[in-house]
Each structure stands twice: as C-alpha cells, then as structure tokens.
Amino acid sequence: MKTLIVINNESFGKGDDELGKRLMGAYLKKLWVRDEMPDTIVCYNSGAKLVAKGSMVLDALNGLYEKGVDILACGTCLNHYHLADQVKVGRSTDMGEIVELMMTYDKVITV
C-alpha cells in the first residue's frame, strides 16, 4: 500500500505554535524509528520550511530520506518563503506532482 504523508504547516496541530513545532519534531522522530515507512512526504505552505536550512527537524527528515522516503517540498512555497536555495533534504516539486501523488496513492495522511 503506497502511503503519502502531507505536511502543510511547520507546526503539528492548531494552538500554540511553539508547542506545535515541538510536536512536529516528535512526530517525525517517531516516524523515523518505525519499521514501516511512508513512501513519500510532501511539504507545502509553511510545512515547506521544514526541509530548509535552519529547520529543527532536518535530522529526522534526513533519516527518513536515508531510509528511502521521498521528501518533496512545494517550489512555489519555497519561493514564497525565500528558501528555494536553502533546501537541505529532498527536492522541490510543483502542484501538478502533488495532485498526482494525492490522487494515485492508496493512503494519504495529512498532519
């Protein structure tokens, strides 16, 4: 079963942003140590910040990438946040590919 995880915010859940950022880090680290991996993680809107220089979750995302998870970030979002030249893990993509992934994977999880 092909699984896609969508991260559309740099913090996990609504409410306190600092708490949400800590929770996002915890989520990605717990995902990293699992035996079962998602096939792809796509990051858009402020979630795209997670793949760039200065992100507090680069260790977990790099670990997931090294385990074979495809890490994608929305190019429009990276440009909006002036991060296109600061991507440290994965690759840039466009909305066409994001739509294709969402429509063709068996399971799509949005966090």
C-alpha atoms as a PDB file:
ATOM      1  CA  MET A   1       0.000   0.000   0.000  1.00  0.00           C
ATOM      2  CA  LYS A   2       1.559   3.290  -1.116  1.00  0.00           C
ATOM      3  CA  THR A   3       1.389   5.907   1.633  1.00  0.00           C
ATOM      4  CA  LEU A   4       1.778   9.671   1.315  1.00  0.00           C
ATOM      5  CA  ILE A   5       2.160  11.968   4.309  1.00  0.00           C
ATOM      6  CA  VAL A   6       1.195  15.584   3.710  1.00  0.00           C
ATOM      7  CA  ILE A   7       2.669  18.252   5.980  1.00  0.00           C
ATOM      8  CA  ASN A   8       1.012  21.601   5.337  1.00  0.00           C
ATOM      9  CA  ASN A   9       2.279  23.518   8.361  1.00  0.00           C
ATOM     10  CA  GLU A  10       5.563  23.818  10.208  1.00  0.00           C
ATOM     11  CA  SER A  11       3.775  23.008  13.463  1.00  0.00           C
ATOM     12  CA  PHE A  12       1.661  19.993  14.380  1.00  0.00           C
ATOM     13  CA  GLY A  13      -1.947  20.924  15.125  1.00  0.00           C
ATOM     14  CA  LYS A  14      -3.585  24.242  15.926  1.00  0.00           C
ATOM     15  CA  GLY A  15      -2.941  26.296  19.013  1.00  0.00           C
ATOM     16  CA  ASP A  16       0.395  27.279  20.465  1.00  0.00           C
ATOM     17  CA  ASP A  17       2.951  27.425  17.631  1.00  0.00           C
ATOM     18  CA  GLU A  18       5.967  26.614  19.804  1.00  0.00           C
ATOM     19  CA  LEU A  19       4.230  23.538  21.177  1.00  0.00           C
ATOM     20  CA  GLY A  20       3.195  22.597  17.642  1.00  0.00           C
ATOM     21  CA  LYS A  21       6.794  22.819  16.432  1.00  0.00           C
ATOM     22  CA  ARG A  22       7.957  20.542  19.246  1.00  0.00           C
ATOM     23  CA  LEU A  23       5.152  18.112  18.434  1.00  0.00           C
ATOM     24  CA  MET A  24       6.132  18.096  14.740  1.00  0.00           C
ATOM     25  CA  GLY A  25       9.684  17.206  15.734  1.00  0.00           C
ATOM     26  CA  ALA A  26       8.438  14.409  17.974  1.00  0.00           C
ATOM     27  CA  TYR A  27       6.123  13.091  15.244  1.00  0.00           C
ATOM     28  CA  LEU A  28       8.867  12.961  12.617  1.00  0.00           C
ATOM     29  CA  LYS A  29      11.340  11.338  15.006  1.00  0.00           C
ATOM     30  CA  LYS A  30       8.814   8.638  15.978  1.00  0.00           C
ATOM     31  CA  LEU A  31       8.063   8.068  12.295  1.00  0.00           C
ATOM     32  CA  TRP A  32      11.792   7.777  11.574  1.00  0.00           C
ATOM     33  CA  VAL A  33      12.299   4.882  14.030  1.00  0.00           C
ATOM     34  CA  ARG A  34       9.388   2.819  12.745  1.00  0.00           C
ATOM     35  CA  ASP A  35       9.975  -0.250  10.615  1.00  0.00           C
ATOM     36  CA  GLU A  36       7.137   0.686   8.260  1.00  0.00           C
ATOM     37  CA  MET A  37       7.880   3.873   6.313  1.00  0.00           C
ATOM     38  CA  PRO A  38       5.672   6.074   4.171  1.00  0.00           C
ATOM     39  CA  ASP A  39       6.673   6.162   0.515  1.00  0.00           C
ATOM     40  CA  THR A  40       6.593   9.944   0.250  1.00  0.00           C
ATOM     41  CA  ILE A  41       6.339  13.027   2.431  1.00  0.00           C
ATOM     42  CA  VAL A  42       5.205  16.203   0.718  1.00  0.00           C
ATOM     43  CA  CYS A  43       5.539  19.568   2.449  1.00  0.00           C
ATOM     44  CA  TYR A  44       3.680  22.676   1.376  1.00  0.00           C
ATOM     45  CA  ASN A  45       2.678  26.083   2.707  1.00  0.00           C
ATOM     46  CA  SER A  46       4.738  26.712   5.871  1.00  0.00           C
ATOM     47  CA  GLY A  47       5.471  22.977   6.007  1.00  0.00           C
ATOM     48  CA  ALA A  48       7.999  23.620   3.240  1.00  0.00           C
ATOM     49  CA  LYS A  49      10.154  25.399   5.828  1.00  0.00           C
ATOM     50  CA  LEU A  50      10.886  22.013   7.398  1.00  0.00           C
ATOM     51  CA  VAL A  51      13.205  20.928   4.556  1.00  0.00           C
ATOM     52  CA  ALA A  52      15.313  24.095   4.555  1.00  0.00           C
ATOM     53  CA  LYS A  53      18.389  25.382   6.341  1.00  0.00           C
ATOM     54  CA  GLY A  54      17.644  26.179   9.971  1.00  0.00           C
ATOM     55  CA  SER A  55      14.833  23.635  10.338  1.00  0.00           C
ATOM     56  CA  MET A  56      14.778  21.930  13.722  1.00  0.00           C
ATOM     57  CA  VAL A  57      13.636  18.635  12.142  1.00  0.00           C
ATOM     58  CA  LEU A  58      16.315  18.127   9.491  1.00  0.00           C
ATOM     59  CA  ASP A  59      17.816  15.195  11.405  1.00  0.00           C
ATOM     60  CA  ALA A  60      14.536  13.265  11.291  1.00  0.00           C
ATOM     61  CA  LEU A  61      13.806  14.198   7.667  1.00  0.00           C
ATOM     62  CA  ASN A  62      17.337  13.202   6.633  1.00  0.00           C
ATOM     63  CA  GLY A  63      16.915   9.925   8.493  1.00  0.00           C
ATOM     64  CA  LEU A  64      13.640   9.253   6.702  1.00  0.00           C
ATOM     65  CA  TYR A  65      15.238  10.172   3.372  1.00  0.00           C
ATOM     66  CA  GLU A  66      18.135   7.780   4.034  1.00  0.00           C
ATOM     67  CA  LYS A  67      15.569   5.029   4.688  1.00  0.00           C
ATOM     68  CA  GLY A  68      14.141   5.602   1.207  1.00  0.00           C
ATOM     69  CA  VAL A  69      11.313   8.060   1.853  1.00  0.00           C
ATOM     70  CA  ASP A  70      10.923  10.556  -0.989  1.00  0.00           C
ATOM     71  CA  ILE A  71      10.833  14.063   0.554  1.00  0.00           C
ATOM     72  CA  LEU A  72       9.188  16.753  -1.586  1.00  0.00           C
ATOM     73  CA  ALA A  73       8.591  20.444  -0.959  1.00  0.00           C
ATOM     74  CA  CYS A  74       6.336  22.783  -2.910  1.00  0.00           C
ATOM     75  CA  GLY A  75       8.514  25.009  -5.086  1.00  0.00           C
ATOM     76  CA  THR A  76       6.029  27.899  -5.003  1.00  0.00           C
ATOM     77  CA  CYS A  77       6.051  27.727  -1.212  1.00  0.00           C
ATOM     78  CA  LEU A  78       9.855  27.610  -1.039  1.00  0.00           C
ATOM     79  CA  ASN A  79       9.991  30.682  -3.284  1.00  0.00           C
ATOM     80  CA  HIS A  80       7.376  32.476  -1.169  1.00  0.00           C
ATOM     81  CA  TYR A  81       9.473  31.955   1.968  1.00  0.00           C
ATOM     82  CA  HIS A  82      12.740  32.750   0.098  1.00  0.00           C
ATOM     83  CA  LEU A  83      14.048  29.238   0.778  1.00  0.00           C
ATOM     84  CA  ALA A  84      14.451  27.815  -2.731  1.00  0.00           C
ATOM     85  CA  ASP A  85      18.250  27.888  -2.477  1.00  0.00           C
ATOM     86  CA  GLN A  86      18.303  26.584   1.106  1.00  0.00           C
ATOM     87  CA  VAL A  87      16.758  23.112   0.709  1.00  0.00           C
ATOM     88  CA  LYS A  88      18.768  20.620   2.766  1.00  0.00           C
ATOM     89  CA  VAL A  89      16.756  17.420   2.244  1.00  0.00           C
ATOM     90  CA  GLY A  90      14.618  16.146  -0.592  1.00  0.00           C
ATOM     91  CA  ARG A  91      13.655  18.075  -3.677  1.00  0.00           C
ATOM     92  CA  SER A  92      11.371  20.792  -4.935  1.00  0.00           C
ATOM     93  CA  THR A  93       8.158  19.901  -6.735  1.00  0.00           C
ATOM     94  CA  ASP A  94       5.098  21.580  -8.185  1.00  0.00           C
ATOM     95  CA  MET A  95       1.353  21.396  -7.612  1.00  0.00           C
ATOM     96  CA  GLY A  96       0.924  19.099 -10.588  1.00  0.00           C
ATOM     97  CA  GLU A  97       3.029  16.403  -8.959  1.00  0.00           C
ATOM     98  CA  ILE A  98       1.410  16.998  -5.565  1.00  0.00           C
ATOM     99  CA  VAL A  99      -2.056  16.492  -7.077  1.00  0.00           C
ATOM    100  CA  GLU A 100      -0.863  13.381  -8.914  1.00  0.00           C
ATOM    101  CA  LEU A 101       0.512  11.876  -5.704  1.00  0.00           C
ATOM    102  CA  MET A 102      -2.647  12.640  -3.740  1.00  0.00           C
ATOM    103  CA  MET A 103      -4.834  11.082  -6.428  1.00  0.00           C
ATOM    104  CA  THR A 104      -2.789   7.927  -7.017  1.00  0.00           C
ATOM    105  CA  TYR A 105      -1.510   6.822  -3.599  1.00  0.00           C
ATOM    106  CA  ASP A 106      -3.532   4.279  -1.644  1.00  0.00           C
ATOM    107  CA  LYS A 107      -3.377   6.204   1.619  1.00  0.00           C
ATOM    108  CA  VAL A 108      -2.926   9.951   2.172  1.00  0.00           C
ATOM    109  CA  ILE A 109      -2.326  11.174   5.737  1.00  0.00           C
ATOM    110  CA  THR A 110      -2.388  14.900   6.429  1.00  0.00           C
ATOM    111  CA  VAL A 111      -0.691  16.159   9.593  1.00  0.00           C
END
